PDB file of N, CA and C in Angstrom:
ATOM      1  N   MET A   1     -14.712   5.497  21.862  1.00  0.00           N
ATOM      2  CA  MET A   1     -14.345   6.763  21.427  1.00  0.00           C
ATOM      3  C   MET A   1     -13.616   6.548  19.907  1.00  0.00           C
ATOM      4  N   MET A   2     -14.145   7.484  19.116  1.00  0.00           N
ATOM      5  CA  MET A   2     -13.685   7.328  17.688  1.00  0.00           C
ATOM      6  C   MET A   2     -12.266   8.202  17.624  1.00  0.00           C
ATOM      7  N   HIS A   3     -11.261   7.549  17.241  1.00  0.00           N
ATOM      8  CA  HIS A   3     -10.128   8.328  16.895  1.00  0.00           C
ATOM      9  C   HIS A   3     -10.008   8.557  15.502  1.00  0.00           C
ATOM     10  N   LYS A   4      -9.566   9.740  15.092  1.00  0.00           N
ATOM     11  CA  LYS A   4      -9.341  10.081  13.699  1.00  0.00           C
ATOM     12  C   LYS A   4      -7.934  10.301  13.396  1.00  0.00           C
ATOM     13  N   VAL A   5      -7.534  10.010  12.245  1.00  0.00           N
ATOM     14  CA  VAL A   5      -6.077  10.148  11.811  1.00  0.00           C
ATOM     15  C   VAL A   5      -5.929  11.505  11.108  1.00  0.00           C
ATOM     16  N   LYS A   6      -4.910  12.176  11.637  1.00  0.00           N
ATOM     17  CA  LYS A   6      -4.588  13.425  11.036  1.00  0.00           C
ATOM     18  C   LYS A   6      -3.442  13.463  10.036  1.00  0.00           C
ATOM     19  N   ALA A   7      -2.436  12.589  10.218  1.00  0.00           N
ATOM     20  CA  ALA A   7      -1.394  12.470   9.421  1.00  0.00           C
ATOM     21  C   ALA A   7      -0.712  11.016   9.575  1.00  0.00           C
ATOM     22  N   VAL A   8      -0.102  10.668   8.361  1.00  0.00           N
ATOM     23  CA  VAL A   8       0.570   9.436   8.564  1.00  0.00           C
ATOM     24  C   VAL A   8       1.894   9.499   7.472  1.00  0.00           C
ATOM     25  N   SER A   9       2.865   8.875   7.954  1.00  0.00           N
ATOM     26  CA  SER A   9       4.022   8.755   7.042  1.00  0.00           C
ATOM     27  C   SER A   9       4.693   7.399   7.285  1.00  0.00           C
ATOM     28  N   ALA A  10       5.273   6.941   6.101  1.00  0.00           N
ATOM     29  CA  ALA A  10       5.980   5.653   6.205  1.00  0.00           C
ATOM     30  C   ALA A  10       7.160   5.769   6.765  1.00  0.00           C
ATOM     31  N   LEU A  11       7.685   4.755   7.661  1.00  0.00           N
ATOM     32  CA  LEU A  11       9.063   4.778   8.187  1.00  0.00           C
ATOM     33  C   LEU A  11       9.833   3.570   7.819  1.00  0.00           C
ATOM     34  N   PRO A  12      11.054   3.414   7.998  1.00  0.00           N
ATOM     35  CA  PRO A  12      11.779   2.486   7.656  1.00  0.00           C
ATOM     36  C   PRO A  12      11.302   0.968   8.313  1.00  0.00           C
ATOM     37  N   ASN A  13      11.442   0.082   7.577  1.00  0.00           N
ATOM     38  CA  ASN A  13      11.237  -1.451   8.160  1.00  0.00           C
ATOM     39  C   ASN A  13       9.624  -1.692   8.273  1.00  0.00           C
ATOM     40  N   PHE A  14       8.960  -1.095   7.457  1.00  0.00           N
ATOM     41  CA  PHE A  14       7.509  -1.284   7.346  1.00  0.00           C
ATOM     42  C   PHE A  14       6.821  -0.881   8.528  1.00  0.00           C
ATOM     43  N   CYS A  15       7.110   0.206   9.023  1.00  0.00           N
ATOM     44  CA  CYS A  15       6.334   0.906  10.122  1.00  0.00           C
ATOM     45  C   CYS A  15       5.758   2.165   9.726  1.00  0.00           C
ATOM     46  N   LEU A  16       4.601   2.671  10.393  1.00  0.00           N
ATOM     47  CA  LEU A  16       4.194   3.984  10.153  1.00  0.00           C
ATOM     48  C   LEU A  16       4.011   4.753  11.276  1.00  0.00           C
ATOM     49  N   SER A  17       4.208   6.041  11.114  1.00  0.00           N
ATOM     50  CA  SER A  17       4.051   7.148  12.148  1.00  0.00           C
ATOM     51  C   SER A  17       2.573   7.584  11.878  1.00  0.00           C
ATOM     52  N   VAL A  18       1.832   7.411  12.885  1.00  0.00           N
ATOM     53  CA  VAL A  18       0.385   7.784  12.806  1.00  0.00           C
ATOM     54  C   VAL A  18       0.072   8.877  13.836  1.00  0.00           C
ATOM     55  N   GLN A  19      -0.364  10.203  13.317  1.00  0.00           N
ATOM     56  CA  GLN A  19      -0.755  11.321  14.176  1.00  0.00           C
ATOM     57  C   GLN A  19      -2.228  11.322  14.256  1.00  0.00           C
ATOM     58  N   PHE A  20      -2.898  11.434  15.367  1.00  0.00           N
ATOM     59  CA  PHE A  20      -4.266  11.369  15.525  1.00  0.00           C
ATOM     60  C   PHE A  20      -4.636  12.802  15.857  1.00  0.00           C
ATOM     61  N   VAL A  21      -5.870  13.114  15.665  1.00  0.00           N
ATOM     62  CA  VAL A  21      -6.291  14.528  15.725  1.00  0.00           C
ATOM     63  C   VAL A  21      -6.186  15.014  17.250  1.00  0.00           C
ATOM     64  N   GLU A  22      -6.377  14.112  18.272  1.00  0.00           N
ATOM     65  CA  GLU A  22      -6.119  14.529  19.571  1.00  0.00           C
ATOM     66  C   GLU A  22      -4.712  14.801  20.060  1.00  0.00           C
ATOM     67  N   GLY A  23      -3.883  14.774  18.986  1.00  0.00           N
ATOM     68  CA  GLY A  23      -2.454  15.162  19.387  1.00  0.00           C
ATOM     69  C   GLY A  23      -1.679  13.861  19.700  1.00  0.00           C
ATOM     70  N   ILE A  24      -2.068  12.765  19.599  1.00  0.00           N
ATOM     71  CA  ILE A  24      -1.198  11.528  20.070  1.00  0.00           C
ATOM     72  C   ILE A  24      -0.668  10.971  18.766  1.00  0.00           C
ATOM     73  N   THR A  25       0.726  10.604  18.740  1.00  0.00           N
ATOM     74  CA  THR A  25       1.391  10.039  17.554  1.00  0.00           C
ATOM     75  C   THR A  25       1.726   8.592  18.103  1.00  0.00           C
ATOM     76  N   LYS A  26       1.451   7.677  17.208  1.00  0.00           N
ATOM     77  CA  LYS A  26       1.821   6.174  17.647  1.00  0.00           C
ATOM     78  C   LYS A  26       2.527   5.672  16.354  1.00  0.00           C
ATOM     79  N   ILE A  27       3.350   4.591  16.707  1.00  0.00           N
ATOM     80  CA  ILE A  27       4.033   3.959  15.660  1.00  0.00           C
ATOM     81  C   ILE A  27       3.289   2.476  15.341  1.00  0.00           C
ATOM     82  N   TYR A  28       2.983   2.328  14.247  1.00  0.00           N
ATOM     83  CA  TYR A  28       2.259   1.051  13.887  1.00  0.00           C
ATOM     84  C   TYR A  28       3.022   0.155  12.957  1.00  0.00           C
ATOM     85  N   ASP A  29       3.351  -1.082  13.326  1.00  0.00           N
ATOM     86  CA  ASP A  29       4.227  -1.996  12.702  1.00  0.00           C
ATOM     87  C   ASP A  29       3.353  -2.826  11.747  1.00  0.00           C
ATOM     88  N   VAL A  30       3.533  -2.754  10.498  1.00  0.00           N
ATOM     89  CA  VAL A  30       2.607  -3.236   9.510  1.00  0.00           C
ATOM     90  C   VAL A  30       3.124  -4.846   9.212  1.00  0.00           C
ATOM     91  N   LYS A  31       4.303  -5.097   9.571  1.00  0.00           N
ATOM     92  CA  LYS A  31       5.060  -6.531   9.168  1.00  0.00           C
ATOM     93  C   LYS A  31       3.953  -7.622   9.669  1.00  0.00           C
ATOM     94  N   PRO A  32       3.418  -7.671  10.868  1.00  0.00           N
ATOM     95  CA  PRO A  32       2.452  -8.854  11.177  1.00  0.00           C
ATOM     96  C   PRO A  32       1.328  -9.065  10.227  1.00  0.00           C
ATOM     97  N   LEU A  33       0.952  -8.121   9.505  1.00  0.00           N
ATOM     98  CA  LEU A  33      -0.124  -8.089   8.581  1.00  0.00           C
ATOM     99  C   LEU A  33       0.183  -8.962   7.245  1.00  0.00           C
ATOM    100  N   PHE A  34       1.659  -9.055   6.935  1.00  0.00           N
ATOM    101  CA  PHE A  34       2.080  -9.642   5.731  1.00  0.00           C
ATOM    102  C   PHE A  34       1.655 -11.196   5.750  1.00  0.00           C
ATOM    103  N   SER A  35       1.777 -11.787   6.902  1.00  0.00           N
ATOM    104  CA  SER A  35       1.348 -13.298   7.103  1.00  0.00           C
ATOM    105  C   SER A  35      -0.166 -13.319   7.514  1.00  0.00           C
ATOM    106  N   LYS A  36      -0.771 -12.296   7.950  1.00  0.00           N
ATOM    107  CA  LYS A  36      -2.180 -12.407   8.371  1.00  0.00           C
ATOM    108  C   LYS A  36      -3.159 -12.293   7.288  1.00  0.00           C
ATOM    109  N   TRP A  37      -2.880 -11.263   6.286  1.00  0.00           N
ATOM    110  CA  TRP A  37      -3.628 -11.053   5.216  1.00  0.00           C
ATOM    111  C   TRP A  37      -2.799 -10.973   4.058  1.00  0.00           C
ATOM    112  N   ALA A  38      -3.268 -11.918   3.030  1.00  0.00           N
ATOM    113  CA  ALA A  38      -2.425 -11.928   1.806  1.00  0.00           C
ATOM    114  C   ALA A  38      -2.311 -10.720   1.121  1.00  0.00           C
ATOM    115  N   ALA A  39      -3.373  -9.942   0.978  1.00  0.00           N
ATOM    116  CA  ALA A  39      -3.320  -8.745   0.330  1.00  0.00           C
ATOM    117  C   ALA A  39      -2.111  -7.688   0.724  1.00  0.00           C
ATOM    118  N   PHE A  40      -1.885  -7.745   2.045  1.00  0.00           N
ATOM    119  CA  PHE A  40      -0.687  -6.888   2.560  1.00  0.00           C
ATOM    120  C   PHE A  40       0.642  -7.242   2.140  1.00  0.00           C
ATOM    121  N   LYS A  41       0.674  -8.478   1.564  1.00  0.00           N
ATOM    122  CA  LYS A  41       2.114  -8.903   0.878  1.00  0.00           C
ATOM    123  C   LYS A  41       2.550  -7.964  -0.161  1.00  0.00           C
ATOM    124  N   ALA A  42       1.557  -7.305  -0.809  1.00  0.00           N
ATOM    125  CA  ALA A  42       1.811  -6.253  -1.855  1.00  0.00           C
ATOM    126  C   ALA A  42       2.783  -5.240  -1.404  1.00  0.00           C
ATOM    127  N   LEU A  43       2.477  -4.722  -0.096  1.00  0.00           N
ATOM    128  CA  LEU A  43       3.303  -3.737   0.435  1.00  0.00           C
ATOM    129  C   LEU A  43       4.779  -4.246   0.821  1.00  0.00           C
ATOM    130  N   GLN A  44       4.885  -5.491   1.179  1.00  0.00           N
ATOM    131  CA  GLN A  44       6.175  -6.000   1.390  1.00  0.00           C
ATOM    132  C   GLN A  44       6.988  -6.100   0.067  1.00  0.00           C
ATOM    133  N   GLU A  45       6.199  -6.582  -1.005  1.00  0.00           N
ATOM    134  CA  GLU A  45       6.747  -6.687  -2.273  1.00  0.00           C
ATOM    135  C   GLU A  45       7.146  -5.419  -3.241  1.00  0.00           C
ATOM    136  N   ASN A  46       6.426  -4.306  -2.746  1.00  0.00           N
ATOM    137  CA  ASN A  46       6.620  -2.958  -3.406  1.00  0.00           C
ATOM    138  C   ASN A  46       6.753  -1.965  -2.401  1.00  0.00           C
ATOM    139  N   PRO A  47       7.917  -1.602  -1.968  1.00  0.00           N
ATOM    140  CA  PRO A  47       8.090  -0.678  -0.906  1.00  0.00           C
ATOM    141  C   PRO A  47       7.693   0.754  -1.335  1.00  0.00           C
ATOM    142  N   LYS A  48       7.701   1.047  -2.707  1.00  0.00           N
ATOM    143  CA  LYS A  48       7.116   2.239  -3.303  1.00  0.00           C
ATOM    144  C   LYS A  48       5.755   2.490  -2.854  1.00  0.00           C
ATOM    145  N   LEU A  49       4.836   1.367  -3.117  1.00  0.00           N
ATOM    146  CA  LEU A  49       3.520   1.241  -2.618  1.00  0.00           C
ATOM    147  C   LEU A  49       3.380   1.752  -1.312  1.00  0.00           C
ATOM    148  N   PHE A  50       4.175   1.022  -0.431  1.00  0.00           N
ATOM    149  CA  PHE A  50       4.246   1.276   1.092  1.00  0.00           C
ATOM    150  C   PHE A  50       4.276   2.681   1.416  1.00  0.00           C
ATOM    151  N   SER A  51       5.239   3.409   0.709  1.00  0.00           N
ATOM    152  CA  SER A  51       5.548   4.870   0.890  1.00  0.00           C
ATOM    153  C   SER A  51       4.340   5.649   0.441  1.00  0.00           C
ATOM    154  N   ASP A  52       3.561   5.255  -0.357  1.00  0.00           N
ATOM    155  CA  ASP A  52       2.456   5.993  -0.914  1.00  0.00           C
ATOM    156  C   ASP A  52       1.321   6.108   0.152  1.00  0.00           C
ATOM    157  N   VAL A  53       1.377   5.808   1.297  1.00  0.00           N
ATOM    158  CA  VAL A  53       0.375   5.745   2.315  1.00  0.00           C
ATOM    159  C   VAL A  53      -0.190   7.143   2.608  1.00  0.00           C
ATOM    160  N   GLU A  54      -1.560   7.295   2.675  1.00  0.00           N
ATOM    161  CA  GLU A  54      -2.156   8.548   2.954  1.00  0.00           C
ATOM    162  C   GLU A  54      -3.291   8.470   3.829  1.00  0.00           C
ATOM    163  N   VAL A  55      -3.722   9.435   4.391  1.00  0.00           N
ATOM    164  CA  VAL A  55      -4.976   9.533   5.286  1.00  0.00           C
ATOM    165  C   VAL A  55      -6.112   9.497   4.464  1.00  0.00           C
ATOM    166  N   ASP A  56      -7.061   8.574   4.814  1.00  0.00           N
ATOM    167  CA  ASP A  56      -8.410   8.397   3.986  1.00  0.00           C
ATOM    168  C   ASP A  56      -9.267   9.511   4.209  1.00  0.00           C
ATOM    169  N   VAL A  57     -10.247   9.857   3.341  1.00  0.00           N
ATOM    170  CA  VAL A  57     -10.995  10.967   3.295  1.00  0.00           C
ATOM    171  C   VAL A  57     -11.777  10.900   4.855  1.00  0.00           C
ATOM    172  N   GLY A  58     -11.731  12.036   5.451  1.00  0.00           N
ATOM    173  CA  GLY A  58     -12.316  12.135   6.789  1.00  0.00           C
ATOM    174  C   GLY A  58     -11.653  11.624   7.935  1.00  0.00           C
ATOM    175  N   GLY A  59     -10.382  11.142   7.679  1.00  0.00           N
ATOM    176  CA  GLY A  59      -9.523  10.662   8.894  1.00  0.00           C
ATOM    177  C   GLY A  59      -9.879   9.445   9.361  1.00  0.00           C
ATOM    178  N   TYR A  60     -10.731   8.564   8.751  1.00  0.00           N
ATOM    179  CA  TYR A  60     -11.452   7.428   9.386  1.00  0.00           C
ATOM    180  C   TYR A  60     -10.395   6.335   9.261  1.00  0.00           C
ATOM    181  N   GLY A  61      -9.150   6.532   8.674  1.00  0.00           N
ATOM    182  CA  GLY A  61      -8.186   5.438   8.345  1.00  0.00           C
ATOM    183  C   GLY A  61      -7.106   5.941   7.518  1.00  0.00           C
ATOM    184  N   ILE A  62      -6.379   4.846   7.123  1.00  0.00           N
ATOM    185  CA  ILE A  62      -5.209   5.123   6.048  1.00  0.00           C
ATOM    186  C   ILE A  62      -5.444   4.320   4.860  1.00  0.00           C
ATOM    187  N   ILE A  63      -5.037   4.878   3.644  1.00  0.00           N
ATOM    188  CA  ILE A  63      -5.119   3.903   2.415  1.00  0.00           C
ATOM    189  C   ILE A  63      -3.861   3.835   1.809  1.00  0.00           C
ATOM    190  N   TRP A  64      -3.693   2.802   0.927  1.00  0.00           N
ATOM    191  CA  TRP A  64      -2.521   2.753  -0.047  1.00  0.00           C
ATOM    192  C   TRP A  64      -3.298   2.728  -1.524  1.00  0.00           C
ATOM    193  N   ASN A  65      -4.306   1.917  -1.562  1.00  0.00           N
ATOM    194  CA  ASN A  65      -4.932   1.983  -2.962  1.00  0.00           C
ATOM    195  C   ASN A  65      -6.495   1.358  -2.601  1.00  0.00           C
ATOM    196  N   ASP A  66      -7.109   1.028  -3.632  1.00  0.00           N
ATOM    197  CA  ASP A  66      -8.674   0.622  -3.373  1.00  0.00           C
ATOM    198  C   ASP A  66      -8.620  -0.713  -2.715  1.00  0.00           C
ATOM    199  N   GLU A  67      -7.578  -1.366  -2.529  1.00  0.00           N
ATOM    200  CA  GLU A  67      -7.665  -2.739  -1.973  1.00  0.00           C
ATOM    201  C   GLU A  67      -7.071  -2.703  -0.580  1.00  0.00           C
ATOM    202  N   LEU A  68      -6.137  -1.857  -0.226  1.00  0.00           N
ATOM    203  CA  LEU A  68      -5.489  -1.822   1.048  1.00  0.00           C
ATOM    204  C   LEU A  68      -5.768  -0.627   1.773  1.00  0.00           C
ATOM    205  N   ASP A  69      -6.194  -0.878   3.138  1.00  0.00           N
ATOM    206  CA  ASP A  69      -6.491   0.178   4.103  1.00  0.00           C
ATOM    207  C   ASP A  69      -6.543  -0.280   5.351  1.00  0.00           C
ATOM    208  N   LEU A  70      -6.397   0.547   6.400  1.00  0.00           N
ATOM    209  CA  LEU A  70      -6.594   0.161   7.791  1.00  0.00           C
ATOM    210  C   LEU A  70      -7.432   1.309   8.516  1.00  0.00           C
ATOM    211  N   SER A  71      -8.082   0.767   9.376  1.00  0.00           N
ATOM    212  CA  SER A  71      -9.093   1.716   9.973  1.00  0.00           C
ATOM    213  C   SER A  71      -8.415   2.406  11.322  1.00  0.00           C
ATOM    214  N   CYS A  72      -8.773   3.659  11.525  1.00  0.00           N
ATOM    215  CA  CYS A  72      -8.288   4.484  12.582  1.00  0.00           C
ATOM    216  C   CYS A  72      -8.221   3.649  13.848  1.00  0.00           C
ATOM    217  N   GLU A  73      -9.249   2.843  14.161  1.00  0.00           N
ATOM    218  CA  GLU A  73      -9.344   2.130  15.414  1.00  0.00           C
ATOM    219  C   GLU A  73      -8.242   1.063  15.501  1.00  0.00           C
ATOM    220  N   GLU A  74      -8.076   0.316  14.293  1.00  0.00           N
ATOM    221  CA  GLU A  74      -6.978  -0.642  14.291  1.00  0.00           C
ATOM    222  C   GLU A  74      -5.574  -0.019  14.505  1.00  0.00           C
ATOM    223  N   LEU A  75      -5.424   1.121  13.923  1.00  0.00           N
ATOM    224  CA  LEU A  75      -4.182   1.846  14.134  1.00  0.00           C
ATOM    225  C   LEU A  75      -4.020   2.276  15.564  1.00  0.00           C
ATOM    226  N   PHE A  76      -4.897   2.817  16.183  1.00  0.00           N
ATOM    227  CA  PHE A  76      -4.821   3.348  17.478  1.00  0.00           C
ATOM    228  C   PHE A  76      -4.662   2.139  18.529  1.00  0.00           C
ATOM    229  N   GLU A  77      -5.417   1.253  18.496  1.00  0.00           N
ATOM    230  CA  GLU A  77      -5.399   0.070  19.381  1.00  0.00           C
ATOM    231  C   GLU A  77      -4.219  -0.797  19.351  1.00  0.00           C
ATOM    232  N   ASN A  78      -3.708  -0.991  18.193  1.00  0.00           N
ATOM    233  CA  ASN A  78      -2.611  -1.897  17.812  1.00  0.00           C
ATOM    234  C   ASN A  78      -1.238  -1.253  17.550  1.00  0.00           C
ATOM    235  N   SER A  79      -0.976   0.041  18.041  1.00  0.00           N
ATOM    236  CA  SER A  79       0.184   0.606  17.796  1.00  0.00           C
ATOM    237  C   SER A  79       0.920   1.109  19.125  1.00  0.00           C
TER     238      SER A  79
END
């Protein structure tokens, strides 16, 4: 089943509140990505960038910029 993101907001301690179109809201912890993927360290080093998170066009994930994004499936399965 394909889950789509309806809304996302940055929370303290590098967590995200992710609301899916089916009405489910989950909390996603971004911190494990800092050591797994070097590109995500930019979020740790720049909290302003972290807070700029938004839903990608069509709700298929979330984005921070052209280089940083997460799919809706990653968000749903690992939050």
